[in-house]
């Protein structure tokens, strides 16, 4: 009864991946012992996004936001004093 067997599934499915670094193993050739630039960049970007999410959800993200707003509002308040009349 071959008609009732499951069809084999590929080992890597790229559905749902989008963006610049969305590649499959067929598109990126790997040499022995060397990481490809696309995979290295994707790993670095993933690590950066994870750190950014952790920082944003902590109190330090709020502190940095408040400091940034104070600098912007201070600059807007005192900028007319620096312009020549």
N, C-alpha and C. Protein backbone atom coordinates (compact mmCIF):
# COMPACT_ATOMS: atom_id res chain seq x y z
N UNK A 1 0.82 -1.18 0.00
CA UNK A 1 0.00 0.00 0.00
C UNK A 1 0.87 1.25 0.00
N UNK A 2 1.55 1.51 -1.05
CA UNK A 2 2.41 2.67 -1.15
C UNK A 2 1.64 3.99 -1.14
N UNK A 3 0.39 3.97 -1.52
CA UNK A 3 -0.35 5.22 -1.62
C UNK A 3 -0.67 5.82 -0.26
N UNK A 4 -0.55 5.05 0.82
CA UNK A 4 -0.88 5.57 2.15
C UNK A 4 0.35 5.93 2.97
N UNK A 5 1.51 5.79 2.40
CA UNK A 5 2.72 6.18 3.12
C UNK A 5 2.85 7.69 3.15
N UNK A 6 3.47 8.18 4.20
CA UNK A 6 3.72 9.62 4.28
C UNK A 6 4.82 10.00 3.31
N UNK A 7 4.69 11.18 2.78
CA UNK A 7 5.75 11.67 1.91
C UNK A 7 6.91 12.13 2.77
N UNK A 8 8.12 11.86 2.33
CA UNK A 8 9.27 12.30 3.13
C UNK A 8 9.34 13.83 3.18
N UNK A 9 9.70 14.34 4.34
CA UNK A 9 9.81 15.78 4.52
C UNK A 9 11.28 16.18 4.44
N UNK A 10 11.57 17.33 3.85
CA UNK A 10 12.97 17.77 3.79
C UNK A 10 13.49 18.09 5.18
N UNK A 11 14.79 17.97 5.36
CA UNK A 11 15.39 18.22 6.67
C UNK A 11 15.34 19.69 7.06
N UNK A 12 15.47 20.58 6.12
CA UNK A 12 15.42 22.00 6.45
C UNK A 12 14.31 22.66 5.64
N UNK A 13 13.40 23.27 6.33
CA UNK A 13 12.29 23.97 5.68
C UNK A 13 12.50 25.45 5.91
N UNK A 14 12.45 26.23 4.83
CA UNK A 14 12.71 27.65 4.94
C UNK A 14 11.44 28.48 4.95
N UNK A 15 10.27 27.83 5.10
CA UNK A 15 9.03 28.59 5.14
C UNK A 15 9.01 29.46 6.37
N UNK A 16 8.53 30.69 6.23
CA UNK A 16 8.44 31.60 7.36
C UNK A 16 9.66 32.48 7.52
N UNK A 17 10.75 32.16 6.87
CA UNK A 17 11.93 33.01 6.96
C UNK A 17 11.79 34.13 5.95
N UNK A 18 12.09 35.31 6.37
CA UNK A 18 12.02 36.45 5.46
C UNK A 18 13.15 37.41 5.81
N UNK A 19 13.46 38.28 4.91
CA UNK A 19 14.47 39.29 5.18
C UNK A 19 15.74 39.04 4.38
N UNK A 20 16.74 39.82 4.71
CA UNK A 20 17.99 39.80 3.97
C UNK A 20 18.75 38.50 4.19
N UNK A 21 18.72 37.98 5.41
CA UNK A 21 19.56 36.84 5.74
C UNK A 21 18.80 35.52 5.66
N UNK A 22 17.65 35.46 5.01
CA UNK A 22 16.90 34.22 4.87
C UNK A 22 17.50 33.40 3.74
N UNK A 23 18.26 32.39 4.09
CA UNK A 23 18.88 31.52 3.10
C UNK A 23 18.68 30.08 3.52
N UNK A 24 18.79 29.20 2.59
CA UNK A 24 18.75 27.77 2.91
C UNK A 24 20.14 27.19 2.67
N UNK A 25 20.30 25.97 3.07
CA UNK A 25 21.60 25.33 2.90
C UNK A 25 21.97 25.18 1.43
N UNK A 26 20.99 25.09 0.57
CA UNK A 26 21.26 24.94 -0.86
C UNK A 26 21.84 26.22 -1.45
N UNK A 27 21.50 27.37 -0.87
CA UNK A 27 21.95 28.64 -1.41
C UNK A 27 23.33 29.04 -0.89
N UNK A 28 23.71 28.54 0.27
CA UNK A 28 24.98 28.93 0.89
C UNK A 28 25.89 27.71 0.92
N UNK A 29 27.00 27.79 0.22
CA UNK A 29 27.94 26.68 0.23
C UNK A 29 28.88 26.83 1.42
N UNK A 30 29.17 25.71 2.06
CA UNK A 30 30.05 25.73 3.22
C UNK A 30 31.27 24.89 2.93
N UNK A 31 32.41 25.46 3.26
CA UNK A 31 33.64 24.71 3.14
C UNK A 31 33.94 24.02 4.46
N UNK A 32 34.88 23.11 4.47
CA UNK A 32 35.19 22.42 5.72
C UNK A 32 35.87 23.37 6.70
N UNK A 33 35.25 23.56 7.85
CA UNK A 33 35.85 24.34 8.92
C UNK A 33 35.72 25.84 8.78
N UNK A 34 34.97 26.35 7.81
CA UNK A 34 34.84 27.80 7.69
C UNK A 34 33.36 28.17 7.68
N UNK A 35 33.02 29.21 8.41
CA UNK A 35 31.64 29.68 8.47
C UNK A 35 31.39 30.63 7.31
N UNK A 36 30.23 30.54 6.73
CA UNK A 36 29.91 31.43 5.62
C UNK A 36 29.50 32.79 6.17
N UNK A 37 29.77 33.86 5.43
CA UNK A 37 29.44 35.19 5.91
C UNK A 37 27.95 35.39 6.17
N UNK A 38 27.09 34.81 5.34
CA UNK A 38 25.64 34.99 5.53
C UNK A 38 25.18 34.37 6.84
N UNK A 39 25.67 33.18 7.15
CA UNK A 39 25.28 32.53 8.39
C UNK A 39 25.88 33.23 9.59
N UNK A 40 27.10 33.74 9.47
CA UNK A 40 27.72 34.48 10.55
C UNK A 40 26.98 35.77 10.82
N UNK A 41 26.60 36.47 9.77
CA UNK A 41 25.84 37.71 9.95
C UNK A 41 24.47 37.43 10.54
N UNK A 42 23.83 36.36 10.12
CA UNK A 42 22.52 36.03 10.66
C UNK A 42 22.63 35.71 12.16
N UNK A 43 23.67 34.97 12.54
CA UNK A 43 23.86 34.65 13.95
C UNK A 43 24.15 35.90 14.77
N UNK A 44 24.96 36.80 14.22
CA UNK A 44 25.27 38.05 14.93
C UNK A 44 24.02 38.91 15.06
N UNK A 45 23.22 38.97 13.99
CA UNK A 45 22.00 39.78 14.04
C UNK A 45 21.00 39.19 15.05
N UNK A 46 20.88 37.88 15.11
CA UNK A 46 19.99 37.23 16.06
C UNK A 46 20.45 37.51 17.48
N UNK A 47 21.73 37.44 17.71
CA UNK A 47 22.27 37.72 19.05
C UNK A 47 22.07 39.18 19.45
N UNK A 48 22.26 40.09 18.50
CA UNK A 48 22.05 41.51 18.76
C UNK A 48 20.59 41.78 19.10
N UNK A 49 19.66 41.19 18.34
CA UNK A 49 18.22 41.40 18.60
C UNK A 49 17.81 40.84 19.96
N UNK A 50 18.37 39.70 20.34
CA UNK A 50 18.05 39.11 21.65
C UNK A 50 18.55 40.03 22.76
N UNK A 51 19.76 40.56 22.63
CA UNK A 51 20.29 41.47 23.64
C UNK A 51 19.48 42.76 23.69
N UNK A 52 19.04 43.26 22.53
CA UNK A 52 18.24 44.48 22.49
C UNK A 52 16.90 44.27 23.18
N UNK A 53 16.27 43.11 22.97
CA UNK A 53 14.99 42.83 23.61
C UNK A 53 15.14 42.74 25.12
N UNK A 54 16.22 42.11 25.59
CA UNK A 54 16.46 42.02 27.03
C UNK A 54 16.73 43.40 27.63
N UNK A 55 17.49 44.23 26.92
CA UNK A 55 17.79 45.57 27.39
C UNK A 55 16.54 46.44 27.42
N UNK A 56 15.70 46.32 26.40
CA UNK A 56 14.49 47.13 26.33
C UNK A 56 13.50 46.76 27.41
N UNK A 57 13.45 45.51 27.80
CA UNK A 57 12.49 45.09 28.82
C UNK A 57 13.01 45.32 30.23
N UNK A 58 14.25 45.75 30.40
CA UNK A 58 14.78 46.00 31.74
C UNK A 58 14.64 47.49 32.09
N UNK A 59 14.98 47.82 33.31
CA UNK A 59 14.90 49.21 33.78
C UNK A 59 15.91 50.09 33.06
N UNK A 60 17.02 49.51 32.62
CA UNK A 60 18.05 50.29 31.95
C UNK A 60 17.59 50.81 30.59
N UNK A 61 16.70 50.11 29.94
CA UNK A 61 16.12 50.61 28.70
C UNK A 61 15.29 51.85 28.94
N UNK A 62 14.54 51.86 30.06
CA UNK A 62 13.74 53.04 30.42
C UNK A 62 14.64 54.21 30.81
N UNK A 63 15.72 53.92 31.51
CA UNK A 63 16.66 54.98 31.91
C UNK A 63 17.30 55.61 30.67
N UNK A 64 17.72 54.79 29.74
CA UNK A 64 18.32 55.31 28.52
C UNK A 64 17.32 56.13 27.72
N UNK A 65 16.07 55.70 27.66
CA UNK A 65 15.03 56.46 26.98
C UNK A 65 14.79 57.81 27.63
N UNK A 66 14.75 57.85 28.96
CA UNK A 66 14.54 59.11 29.68
C UNK A 66 15.71 60.07 29.46
N UNK A 67 16.93 59.55 29.48
CA UNK A 67 18.10 60.39 29.24
C UNK A 67 18.07 60.94 27.82
N UNK A 68 17.70 60.11 26.87
CA UNK A 68 17.63 60.56 25.48
C UNK A 68 16.58 61.65 25.31
N UNK A 69 15.42 61.49 25.92
CA UNK A 69 14.38 62.52 25.84
C UNK A 69 14.83 63.82 26.50
N UNK A 70 15.52 63.73 27.63
CA UNK A 70 16.02 64.94 28.29
C UNK A 70 17.02 65.68 27.41
N UNK A 71 17.90 64.95 26.74
CA UNK A 71 18.87 65.58 25.84
C UNK A 71 18.16 66.24 24.67
N UNK A 72 17.17 65.56 24.09
CA UNK A 72 16.44 66.14 22.96
C UNK A 72 15.68 67.39 23.37
N UNK A 73 14.94 67.33 24.48
CA UNK A 73 14.17 68.50 24.92
C UNK A 73 15.09 69.64 25.35
N UNK A 74 16.21 69.32 25.97
CA UNK A 74 17.18 70.36 26.34
C UNK A 74 17.77 71.02 25.11
N UNK A 75 18.06 70.21 24.11
CA UNK A 75 18.59 70.77 22.87
C UNK A 75 17.58 71.66 22.17
N UNK A 76 16.31 71.24 22.16
CA UNK A 76 15.27 72.07 21.54
C UNK A 76 15.03 73.35 22.32
N UNK A 77 15.17 73.30 23.62
CA UNK A 77 14.94 74.48 24.46
C UNK A 77 16.05 75.51 24.31
N UNK A 78 17.30 75.04 24.26
CA UNK A 78 18.44 75.97 24.22
C UNK A 78 19.00 76.21 22.83
N UNK A 79 18.51 75.55 21.82
CA UNK A 79 18.99 75.76 20.45
C UNK A 79 18.78 77.19 19.97
N UNK A 80 17.65 77.86 20.24
CA UNK A 80 17.48 79.24 19.79
C UNK A 80 18.52 80.21 20.39
N UNK A 81 19.04 79.88 21.56
CA UNK A 81 20.06 80.75 22.17
C UNK A 81 21.38 80.69 21.41
N UNK A 82 21.63 79.62 20.69
CA UNK A 82 22.88 79.48 19.95
C UNK A 82 22.80 80.07 18.56
N UNK A 83 21.61 80.34 18.04
CA UNK A 83 21.47 80.91 16.71
C UNK A 83 21.73 82.42 16.75
N UNK A 84 22.42 82.92 15.75
CA UNK A 84 22.63 84.38 15.74
C UNK A 84 21.32 85.10 15.40
N UNK A 85 21.15 86.28 16.00
CA UNK A 85 19.91 87.04 15.78
C UNK A 85 19.99 87.83 14.51
